[in-house]
């Protein structure tokens, strides 16, 4: 009877090794020096690229994936593009964004995705699950609000749409990535608007208060126009047309935290 092997010895002896005698197909080869199977393919630019794997099965899976992408006219030359690199391209080419909207997009992506695991992932390997995992960590570990994460989703979704249009990927993995998180988040109760009588009582209180009366012009503009806080605080004299009694709103004032997240 042979020597009884320990668990480690037994498992090490049955670990798979490349079988160079295994039958290869046309275009496949085995490199004795590296111990890897290999084959080549050409991308849409006519450049020859190499695939390698420790097993023939693994090599053929990779080749089948390449063939599938090629069949759907996905650019094989983009296989090393990351989400971060596609974001930079999208931001450069994106037109029609109002200044503050573009600033919001940049801030939320560059704080909560750029350089993170998701941002460094290859665009062709990103799944909806990977995006959801990133969002869950932002909520559970960074304690971000669902509203902030949804702002990031807006950017990631647009970047992935851009990647589909440019044929870097076949489908957008970000579609519906926020559905579950939104579903499990309690909805906020709607805040009823002031009645006309409440409106008048509120302004009267502000006007007669020694502590708050200096806010009266601000609240009159708020209630008279329906502007948001960021729009009102960003208001400039040149935005006000006294002659025609008009206020032009094309920007707002936002504050960003500069602390590390």
Protein backbone atom coordinates (compact mmCIF):
# COMPACT_ATOMS: atom_id res chain seq x y z
CA UNK A 1 0.00 0.00 0.00
CA UNK A 2 1.33 3.43 -0.91
CA UNK A 3 2.08 6.25 1.46
CA UNK A 4 -0.98 8.02 2.87
CA UNK A 5 -1.00 11.66 1.73
CA UNK A 6 -1.96 14.68 3.76
CA UNK A 7 -4.82 16.87 2.50
CA UNK A 8 -2.41 19.51 1.17
CA UNK A 9 -0.28 16.89 -0.61
CA UNK A 10 -3.34 15.26 -2.12
CA UNK A 11 -4.86 18.50 -3.37
CA UNK A 12 -1.54 19.70 -4.78
CA UNK A 13 -1.14 16.48 -6.74
CA UNK A 14 -4.53 16.75 -8.40
CA UNK A 15 -4.25 20.43 -9.36
CA UNK A 16 -4.76 20.74 -13.12
CA UNK A 17 -1.77 21.31 -15.35
CA UNK A 18 -1.75 22.24 -19.03
CA UNK A 19 -1.89 19.13 -21.18
CA UNK A 20 0.24 19.93 -24.20
CA UNK A 21 -0.88 16.70 -25.83
CA UNK A 22 -4.50 17.85 -25.81
CA UNK A 23 -5.82 18.27 -29.35
CA UNK A 24 -5.76 21.88 -30.50
CA UNK A 25 -7.81 23.39 -33.27
CA UNK A 26 -6.60 25.46 -36.18
CA UNK A 27 -5.24 28.77 -34.88
CA UNK A 28 -4.62 27.46 -31.35
CA UNK A 29 -1.18 26.78 -29.92
CA UNK A 30 0.68 25.89 -26.73
CA UNK A 31 3.74 27.76 -25.45
CA UNK A 32 5.97 25.35 -23.51
CA UNK A 33 7.96 28.23 -22.01
CA UNK A 34 4.94 29.98 -20.44
CA UNK A 35 2.72 26.91 -20.06
CA UNK A 36 -0.16 28.78 -21.71
CA UNK A 37 -2.46 28.04 -24.63
CA UNK A 38 -2.86 30.89 -27.08
CA UNK A 39 -4.65 32.07 -30.19
CA UNK A 40 -4.93 35.32 -32.15
CA UNK A 41 -7.73 37.50 -33.42
CA UNK A 42 -8.00 40.78 -35.32
CA UNK A 43 -9.86 43.82 -34.02
CA UNK A 44 -11.95 46.17 -36.18
CA UNK A 45 -8.80 48.20 -36.97
CA UNK A 46 -7.05 45.14 -38.38
CA UNK A 47 -4.62 44.88 -35.45
CA UNK A 48 -3.69 41.38 -34.34
CA UNK A 49 -4.34 40.64 -30.66
CA UNK A 50 -3.42 37.62 -28.55
CA UNK A 51 -5.52 35.60 -26.12
CA UNK A 52 -3.96 33.26 -23.57
CA UNK A 53 -5.21 30.79 -20.97
CA UNK A 54 -3.94 27.96 -18.80
CA UNK A 55 -6.52 25.62 -20.32
CA UNK A 56 -7.94 25.06 -23.76
CA UNK A 57 -11.44 25.40 -22.36
CA UNK A 58 -10.60 28.80 -20.89
CA UNK A 59 -9.00 29.92 -24.15
CA UNK A 60 -12.04 28.88 -26.17
CA UNK A 61 -14.35 30.70 -23.76
CA UNK A 62 -12.34 33.89 -24.26
CA UNK A 63 -12.36 33.42 -28.05
CA UNK A 64 -16.12 32.78 -28.04
CA UNK A 65 -16.62 36.00 -26.09
CA UNK A 66 -14.52 37.93 -28.62
CA UNK A 67 -16.46 36.37 -31.51
CA UNK A 68 -19.76 37.31 -29.83
CA UNK A 69 -18.67 40.93 -29.40
CA UNK A 70 -17.47 41.04 -32.99
CA UNK A 71 -20.78 39.59 -34.23
CA UNK A 72 -22.60 42.45 -32.47
CA UNK A 73 -20.18 44.99 -34.00
CA UNK A 74 -18.67 45.92 -30.62
CA UNK A 75 -15.25 47.53 -30.99
CA UNK A 76 -12.69 44.95 -29.92
CA UNK A 77 -10.06 47.68 -29.69
CA UNK A 78 -11.99 49.09 -26.71
CA UNK A 79 -11.61 45.98 -24.54
CA UNK A 80 -9.11 47.73 -22.24
CA UNK A 81 -11.17 50.92 -21.86
CA UNK A 82 -12.23 51.55 -18.26
CA UNK A 83 -15.37 53.29 -17.04
CA UNK A 84 -13.17 56.21 -15.91
CA UNK A 85 -11.60 56.62 -19.36
CA UNK A 86 -15.01 56.50 -21.07
CA UNK A 87 -16.30 59.08 -18.57
CA UNK A 88 -13.46 61.45 -19.51
CA UNK A 89 -14.29 61.03 -23.21
CA UNK A 90 -18.03 61.49 -22.59
CA UNK A 91 -17.41 64.66 -20.56
CA UNK A 92 -15.21 66.11 -23.30
CA UNK A 93 -17.74 65.42 -26.07
CA UNK A 94 -20.95 66.14 -24.11
CA UNK A 95 -22.73 69.27 -25.27
CA UNK A 96 -25.83 71.07 -24.05
CA UNK A 97 -25.06 70.85 -20.33
CA UNK A 98 -25.80 74.01 -18.35
CA UNK A 99 -22.75 75.09 -16.32
CA UNK A 100 -24.03 74.08 -12.89
CA UNK A 101 -25.36 70.75 -14.22
CA UNK A 102 -21.98 69.87 -15.66
CA UNK A 103 -20.30 70.90 -12.39
CA UNK A 104 -22.71 68.67 -10.45
CA UNK A 105 -21.98 65.71 -12.74
CA UNK A 106 -18.23 66.17 -12.40
CA UNK A 107 -18.33 66.57 -8.65
CA UNK A 108 -20.46 63.51 -7.91
CA UNK A 109 -18.59 61.21 -10.32
CA UNK A 110 -15.10 62.35 -9.37
CA UNK A 111 -15.84 62.01 -5.63
CA UNK A 112 -17.71 58.72 -5.65
CA UNK A 113 -16.55 56.76 -8.71
CA UNK A 114 -13.35 58.07 -10.30
CA UNK A 115 -10.44 55.94 -9.13
CA UNK A 116 -12.73 53.57 -7.23
CA UNK A 117 -12.96 49.85 -8.05
CA UNK A 118 -15.94 50.41 -10.36
CA UNK A 119 -14.25 53.29 -12.18
CA UNK A 120 -11.15 51.19 -12.82
CA UNK A 121 -13.13 48.25 -14.20
CA UNK A 122 -12.99 47.55 -17.93
CA UNK A 123 -16.17 48.84 -19.52
CA UNK A 124 -16.79 45.52 -21.30
CA UNK A 125 -16.60 43.61 -17.99
CA UNK A 126 -18.96 45.80 -15.95
CA UNK A 127 -22.24 44.17 -14.94
CA UNK A 128 -25.36 45.55 -13.32
CA UNK A 129 -24.37 43.61 -10.21
CA UNK A 130 -21.00 45.40 -10.04
CA UNK A 131 -22.74 48.77 -10.23
CA UNK A 132 -25.26 47.82 -7.55
CA UNK A 133 -22.46 46.57 -5.31
CA UNK A 134 -20.71 49.95 -5.65
CA UNK A 135 -23.92 51.83 -4.81
CA UNK A 136 -24.62 49.60 -1.79
CA UNK A 137 -21.14 50.28 -0.42
CA UNK A 138 -21.63 54.03 -0.85
CA UNK A 139 -24.84 53.80 1.14
CA UNK A 140 -23.71 51.31 3.82
CA UNK A 141 -20.07 52.36 4.29
CA UNK A 142 -19.98 56.00 3.21
CA UNK A 143 -23.54 56.65 4.48
CA UNK A 144 -24.52 58.56 1.35
CA UNK A 145 -28.17 59.40 0.83
CA UNK A 146 -30.15 57.64 -1.88
CA UNK A 147 -30.58 61.04 -3.56
CA UNK A 148 -26.80 61.51 -3.86
CA UNK A 149 -26.30 57.95 -5.16
CA UNK A 150 -29.09 58.53 -7.68
CA UNK A 151 -27.18 61.59 -8.87
CA UNK A 152 -24.17 59.35 -9.51
CA UNK A 153 -26.43 56.85 -11.29
CA UNK A 154 -27.51 59.64 -13.66
CA UNK A 155 -23.90 60.14 -14.71
CA UNK A 156 -22.95 56.44 -14.87
CA UNK A 157 -26.07 55.70 -16.94
CA UNK A 158 -25.22 58.46 -19.44
CA UNK A 159 -21.60 57.31 -19.68
CA UNK A 160 -22.72 53.72 -20.35
CA UNK A 161 -25.24 54.95 -22.94
CA UNK A 162 -22.38 56.80 -24.62
CA UNK A 163 -20.34 53.57 -24.57
CA UNK A 164 -23.19 51.75 -26.33
CA UNK A 165 -23.42 54.50 -28.97
CA UNK A 166 -19.66 54.31 -29.56
CA UNK A 167 -19.91 50.48 -29.78
CA UNK A 168 -17.60 49.92 -26.81
CA UNK A 169 -20.29 47.69 -25.25
CA UNK A 170 -23.43 46.00 -26.55
CA UNK A 171 -25.92 46.87 -23.78
CA UNK A 172 -26.02 49.43 -20.97
CA UNK A 173 -25.37 47.64 -17.62
CA UNK A 174 -26.50 50.70 -15.61
CA UNK A 175 -30.14 50.48 -16.71
CA UNK A 176 -32.29 49.81 -13.65
CA UNK A 177 -29.28 49.68 -11.30
CA UNK A 178 -31.08 51.90 -8.75
CA UNK A 179 -34.49 50.21 -8.90
CA UNK A 180 -34.09 47.98 -5.84
CA UNK A 181 -32.46 50.66 -3.69
CA UNK A 182 -35.24 53.14 -4.48
CA UNK A 183 -37.92 50.52 -3.85
CA UNK A 184 -36.65 49.78 -0.34
CA UNK A 185 -36.22 53.46 0.57
CA UNK A 186 -39.24 54.95 2.38
CA UNK A 187 -40.91 57.68 0.38
CA UNK A 188 -40.95 61.12 1.92
CA UNK A 189 -44.29 62.63 2.75
CA UNK A 190 -45.38 65.44 0.49
CA UNK A 191 -45.30 68.89 2.06
CA UNK A 192 -48.57 70.78 1.47
CA UNK A 193 -48.23 74.35 0.18
CA UNK A 194 -49.18 77.32 2.34
CA UNK A 195 -52.70 78.63 1.92
CA UNK A 196 -53.08 82.31 1.04
CA UNK A 197 -54.08 83.08 4.64
CA UNK A 198 -51.02 81.21 6.00
CA UNK A 199 -48.85 83.02 3.46
CA UNK A 200 -50.03 86.41 4.71
CA UNK A 201 -49.67 85.45 8.41
CA UNK A 202 -46.14 84.21 7.80
CA UNK A 203 -45.03 87.44 6.11
CA UNK A 204 -46.68 89.51 8.83
CA UNK A 205 -44.79 87.58 11.50
CA UNK A 206 -41.45 88.10 9.69
CA UNK A 207 -42.18 91.83 9.22
CA UNK A 208 -43.03 92.41 12.89
CA UNK A 209 -40.19 90.30 14.30
CA UNK A 210 -37.13 92.28 15.49
CA UNK A 211 -35.12 89.07 15.10
CA UNK A 212 -36.20 88.06 11.58
CA UNK A 213 -37.49 91.20 9.83
CA UNK A 214 -34.27 91.63 7.84
CA UNK A 215 -35.23 88.41 5.99
CA UNK A 216 -38.51 89.90 4.72
CA UNK A 217 -37.30 90.75 1.17
CA UNK A 218 -35.84 87.26 0.78
CA UNK A 219 -39.07 85.51 1.81
CA UNK A 220 -41.17 87.82 -0.37
CA UNK A 221 -39.08 86.81 -3.39
CA UNK A 222 -39.25 83.14 -2.39
CA UNK A 223 -43.04 83.15 -2.07
CA UNK A 224 -43.61 85.42 -5.05
CA UNK A 225 -41.46 83.52 -7.55
CA UNK A 226 -41.18 79.93 -6.33
CA UNK A 227 -37.41 79.97 -6.84
CA UNK A 228 -35.25 77.29 -5.24
CA UNK A 229 -32.78 78.20 -2.51
CA UNK A 230 -29.76 77.71 -4.79
CA UNK A 231 -31.35 79.88 -7.49
CA UNK A 232 -32.15 82.71 -5.09
CA UNK A 233 -28.76 82.68 -3.35
CA UNK A 234 -27.07 82.73 -6.75
CA UNK A 235 -29.10 85.72 -7.97
CA UNK A 236 -27.12 88.70 -9.32
CA UNK A 237 -28.20 92.27 -10.06
CA UNK A 238 -27.71 91.69 -13.77
CA UNK A 239 -30.26 88.86 -13.60
CA UNK A 240 -32.99 91.32 -12.56
CA UNK A 241 -34.82 93.36 -15.21
CA UNK A 242 -36.62 96.04 -13.17
CA UNK A 243 -37.96 97.80 -16.26
CA UNK A 244 -39.81 94.74 -17.55
CA UNK A 245 -40.31 93.22 -14.08
CA UNK A 246 -38.52 90.00 -14.96
CA UNK A 247 -35.94 87.79 -13.26
CA UNK A 248 -33.68 85.70 -15.49
CA UNK A 249 -32.61 82.41 -13.90
CA UNK A 250 -29.91 80.46 -15.74
CA UNK A 251 -27.68 79.28 -12.87
CA UNK A 252 -27.63 78.55 -9.16
CA UNK A 253 -25.19 78.68 -6.25
CA UNK A 254 -23.92 75.40 -4.85
CA UNK A 255 -21.47 74.57 -2.08
CA UNK A 256 -19.36 71.42 -2.19
CA UNK A 257 -17.57 69.76 0.67
CA UNK A 258 -13.82 69.60 0.04
CA UNK A 259 -13.16 66.90 2.63
CA UNK A 260 -11.97 63.48 1.52
CA UNK A 261 -14.66 60.82 1.16
